[in-house]
Amino acid sequence: MTPKIKINRPSFQEAQNYLKLSDHYALQENALKKYLQKFIQKMMI
């Protein structure tokens, strides 16, 4: 038994929310990278 998968086209609102989320995670990732770089630099000294 394979479940029938209905493919719904995402609404404009959903697409916007997804973009906001991905932007948010990208910002967090950049902040984390910067923090790690500073931390590593401190360890090196």
PDB file of N, CA and C in Angstrom:
ATOM      1  N   MET A   1       0.835  -1.202   0.000  1.00  0.00           N
ATOM      2  CA  MET A   1       0.000   0.000   0.000  1.00  0.00           C
ATOM      3  C   MET A   1       0.874   1.258   0.000  1.00  0.00           C
ATOM      4  N   THR A   2       0.792   2.011  -1.068  1.00  0.00           N
ATOM      5  CA  THR A   2       1.521   3.273  -1.096  1.00  0.00           C
ATOM      6  C   THR A   2       0.530   4.394  -0.878  1.00  0.00           C
ATOM      7  N   PRO A   3       0.832   5.287   0.062  1.00  0.00           N
ATOM      8  CA  PRO A   3      -0.086   6.398   0.301  1.00  0.00           C
ATOM      9  C   PRO A   3      -0.089   7.347  -0.885  1.00  0.00           C
ATOM     10  N   LYS A   4      -1.260   7.848  -1.200  1.00  0.00           N
ATOM     11  CA  LYS A   4      -1.347   8.821  -2.292  1.00  0.00           C
ATOM     12  C   LYS A   4      -0.806  10.155  -1.807  1.00  0.00           C
ATOM     13  N   ILE A   5       0.141  10.661  -2.565  1.00  0.00           N
ATOM     14  CA  ILE A   5       0.745  11.938  -2.169  1.00  0.00           C
ATOM     15  C   ILE A   5       0.161  13.047  -3.025  1.00  0.00           C
ATOM     16  N   LYS A   6      -0.481  13.980  -2.345  1.00  0.00           N
ATOM     17  CA  LYS A   6      -1.014  15.140  -3.058  1.00  0.00           C
ATOM     18  C   LYS A   6       0.060  16.212  -3.076  1.00  0.00           C
ATOM     19  N   ILE A   7       0.418  16.646  -4.262  1.00  0.00           N
ATOM     20  CA  ILE A   7       1.428  17.702  -4.351  1.00  0.00           C
ATOM     21  C   ILE A   7       0.707  19.036  -4.488  1.00  0.00           C
ATOM     22  N   ASN A   8       0.811  19.816  -3.446  1.00  0.00           N
ATOM     23  CA  ASN A   8       0.193  21.143  -3.463  1.00  0.00           C
ATOM     24  C   ASN A   8       1.250  22.182  -3.792  1.00  0.00           C
ATOM     25  N   ARG A   9       0.910  23.072  -4.673  1.00  0.00           N
ATOM     26  CA  ARG A   9       1.842  24.163  -4.962  1.00  0.00           C
ATOM     27  C   ARG A   9       1.838  25.082  -3.750  1.00  0.00           C
ATOM     28  N   PRO A  10       3.022  25.416  -3.251  1.00  0.00           N
ATOM     29  CA  PRO A  10       3.062  26.287  -2.072  1.00  0.00           C
ATOM     30  C   PRO A  10       2.474  27.657  -2.399  1.00  0.00           C
ATOM     31  N   SER A  11       1.768  28.196  -1.432  1.00  0.00           N
ATOM     32  CA  SER A  11       1.190  29.519  -1.628  1.00  0.00           C
ATOM     33  C   SER A  11       2.295  30.567  -1.568  1.00  0.00           C
ATOM     34  N   PHE A  12       1.989  31.756  -2.014  1.00  0.00           N
ATOM     35  CA  PHE A  12       2.960  32.849  -1.985  1.00  0.00           C
ATOM     36  C   PHE A  12       3.401  33.107  -0.549  1.00  0.00           C
ATOM     37  N   GLN A  13       2.452  33.045   0.388  1.00  0.00           N
ATOM     38  CA  GLN A  13       2.756  33.294   1.804  1.00  0.00           C
ATOM     39  C   GLN A  13       3.732  32.250   2.325  1.00  0.00           C
ATOM     40  N   GLU A  14       3.497  30.987   1.975  1.00  0.00           N
ATOM     41  CA  GLU A  14       4.384  29.916   2.415  1.00  0.00           C
ATOM     42  C   GLU A  14       5.791  30.114   1.875  1.00  0.00           C
ATOM     43  N   ALA A  15       5.865  30.494   0.609  1.00  0.00           N
ATOM     44  CA  ALA A  15       7.162  30.724  -0.011  1.00  0.00           C
ATOM     45  C   ALA A  15       7.910  31.850   0.708  1.00  0.00           C
ATOM     46  N   GLN A  16       7.186  32.911   1.027  1.00  0.00           N
ATOM     47  CA  GLN A  16       7.801  34.037   1.743  1.00  0.00           C
ATOM     48  C   GLN A  16       8.287  33.613   3.121  1.00  0.00           C
ATOM     49  N   ASN A  17       7.478  32.831   3.833  1.00  0.00           N
ATOM     50  CA  ASN A  17       7.864  32.363   5.160  1.00  0.00           C
ATOM     51  C   ASN A  17       9.117  31.508   5.075  1.00  0.00           C
ATOM     52  N   TYR A  18       9.177  30.674   4.039  1.00  0.00           N
ATOM     53  CA  TYR A  18      10.339  29.804   3.870  1.00  0.00           C
ATOM     54  C   TYR A  18      11.592  30.630   3.623  1.00  0.00           C
ATOM     55  N   LEU A  19      11.463  31.653   2.798  1.00  0.00           N
ATOM     56  CA  LEU A  19      12.605  32.517   2.520  1.00  0.00           C
ATOM     57  C   LEU A  19      13.072  33.229   3.783  1.00  0.00           C
ATOM     58  N   LYS A  20      12.118  33.714   4.583  1.00  0.00           N
ATOM     59  CA  LYS A  20      12.469  34.381   5.836  1.00  0.00           C
ATOM     60  C   LYS A  20      13.209  33.428   6.748  1.00  0.00           C
ATOM     61  N   LEU A  21      12.724  32.193   6.831  1.00  0.00           N
ATOM     62  CA  LEU A  21      13.363  31.176   7.673  1.00  0.00           C
ATOM     63  C   LEU A  21      14.782  30.902   7.209  1.00  0.00           C
ATOM     64  N   SER A  22      14.959  30.704   5.900  1.00  0.00           N
ATOM     65  CA  SER A  22      16.289  30.384   5.395  1.00  0.00           C
ATOM     66  C   SER A  22      17.246  31.561   5.610  1.00  0.00           C
ATOM     67  N   ASP A  23      16.729  32.790   5.462  1.00  0.00           N
ATOM     68  CA  ASP A  23      17.540  33.974   5.749  1.00  0.00           C
ATOM     69  C   ASP A  23      17.957  33.981   7.215  1.00  0.00           C
ATOM     70  N   HIS A  24      17.011  33.680   8.083  1.00  0.00           N
ATOM     71  CA  HIS A  24      17.268  33.671   9.523  1.00  0.00           C
ATOM     72  C   HIS A  24      18.368  32.668   9.858  1.00  0.00           C
ATOM     73  N   TYR A  25      18.276  31.467   9.281  1.00  0.00           N
ATOM     74  CA  TYR A  25      19.278  30.447   9.567  1.00  0.00           C
ATOM     75  C   TYR A  25      20.629  30.823   8.990  1.00  0.00           C
ATOM     76  N   ALA A  26      20.628  31.461   7.831  1.00  0.00           N
ATOM     77  CA  ALA A  26      21.887  31.896   7.220  1.00  0.00           C
ATOM     78  C   ALA A  26      22.572  32.915   8.127  1.00  0.00           C
ATOM     79  N   LEU A  27      21.788  33.842   8.683  1.00  0.00           N
ATOM     80  CA  LEU A  27      22.345  34.842   9.590  1.00  0.00           C
ATOM     81  C   LEU A  27      22.928  34.177  10.828  1.00  0.00           C
ATOM     82  N   GLN A  28      22.199  33.213  11.376  1.00  0.00           N
ATOM     83  CA  GLN A  28      22.674  32.507  12.562  1.00  0.00           C
ATOM     84  C   GLN A  28      23.980  31.772  12.259  1.00  0.00           C
ATOM     85  N   GLU A  29      24.030  31.146  11.087  1.00  0.00           N
ATOM     86  CA  GLU A  29      25.213  30.390  10.704  1.00  0.00           C
ATOM     87  C   GLU A  29      26.417  31.310  10.564  1.00  0.00           C
ATOM     88  N   ASN A  30      26.206  32.473   9.951  1.00  0.00           N
ATOM     89  CA  ASN A  30      27.297  33.441   9.812  1.00  0.00           C
ATOM     90  C   ASN A  30      27.787  33.909  11.168  1.00  0.00           C
ATOM     91  N   ALA A  31      26.864  34.180  12.072  1.00  0.00           N
ATOM     92  CA  ALA A  31      27.225  34.628  13.411  1.00  0.00           C
ATOM     93  C   ALA A  31      28.033  33.546  14.123  1.00  0.00           C
ATOM     94  N   LEU A  32      27.609  32.315  13.967  1.00  0.00           N
ATOM     95  CA  LEU A  32      28.305  31.194  14.603  1.00  0.00           C
ATOM     96  C   LEU A  32      29.719  31.050  14.038  1.00  0.00           C
ATOM     97  N   LYS A  33      29.851  31.177  12.729  1.00  0.00           N
ATOM     98  CA  LYS A  33      31.170  31.076  12.104  1.00  0.00           C
ATOM     99  C   LYS A  33      32.104  32.162  12.619  1.00  0.00           C
ATOM    100  N   LYS A  34      31.595  33.383  12.702  1.00  0.00           N
ATOM    101  CA  LYS A  34      32.405  34.505  13.193  1.00  0.00           C
ATOM    102  C   LYS A  34      32.837  34.246  14.634  1.00  0.00           C
ATOM    103  N   TYR A  35      31.885  33.762  15.449  1.00  0.00           N
ATOM    104  CA  TYR A  35      32.182  33.480  16.847  1.00  0.00           C
ATOM    105  C   TYR A  35      33.266  32.409  16.952  1.00  0.00           C
ATOM    106  N   LEU A  36      33.145  31.362  16.143  1.00  0.00           N
ATOM    107  CA  LEU A  36      34.132  30.283  16.172  1.00  0.00           C
ATOM    108  C   LEU A  36      35.505  30.778  15.722  1.00  0.00           C
ATOM    109  N   GLN A  37      35.518  31.627  14.707  1.00  0.00           N
ATOM    110  CA  GLN A  37      36.791  32.173  14.234  1.00  0.00           C
ATOM    111  C   GLN A  37      37.476  32.972  15.337  1.00  0.00           C
ATOM    112  N   LYS A  38      36.721  33.814  16.040  1.00  0.00           N
ATOM    113  CA  LYS A  38      37.277  34.596  17.142  1.00  0.00           C
ATOM    114  C   LYS A  38      37.792  33.673  18.235  1.00  0.00           C
ATOM    115  N   PHE A  39      37.005  32.642  18.534  1.00  0.00           N
ATOM    116  CA  PHE A  39      37.378  31.696  19.575  1.00  0.00           C
ATOM    117  C   PHE A  39      38.684  30.991  19.214  1.00  0.00           C
ATOM    118  N   ILE A  40      38.802  30.567  17.962  1.00  0.00           N
ATOM    119  CA  ILE A  40      40.013  29.878  17.510  1.00  0.00           C
ATOM    120  C   ILE A  40      41.208  30.817  17.560  1.00  0.00           C
ATOM    121  N   GLN A  41      40.996  32.068  17.185  1.00  0.00           N
ATOM    122  CA  GLN A  41      42.087  33.040  17.233  1.00  0.00           C
ATOM    123  C   GLN A  41      42.581  33.220  18.665  1.00  0.00           C
ATOM    124  N   LYS A  42      41.658  33.268  19.613  1.00  0.00           N
ATOM    125  CA  LYS A  42      42.047  33.415  21.014  1.00  0.00           C
ATOM    126  C   LYS A  42      42.853  32.200  21.484  1.00  0.00           C
ATOM    127  N   MET A  43      42.450  31.022  21.021  1.00  0.00           N
ATOM    128  CA  MET A  43      43.145  29.799  21.407  1.00  0.00           C
ATOM    129  C   MET A  43      44.574  29.780  20.861  1.00  0.00           C
ATOM    130  N   MET A  44      44.744  30.377  19.690  1.00  0.00           N
ATOM    131  CA  MET A  44      46.058  30.356  19.046  1.00  0.00           C
ATOM    132  C   MET A  44      47.069  31.232  19.782  1.00  0.00           C
ATOM    133  N   ILE A  45      46.569  32.324  20.347  1.00  0.00           N
ATOM    134  CA  ILE A  45      47.480  33.275  20.991  1.00  0.00           C
ATOM    135  C   ILE A  45      48.019  32.691  22.285  1.00  0.00           C
TER     136      ILE A  45
END
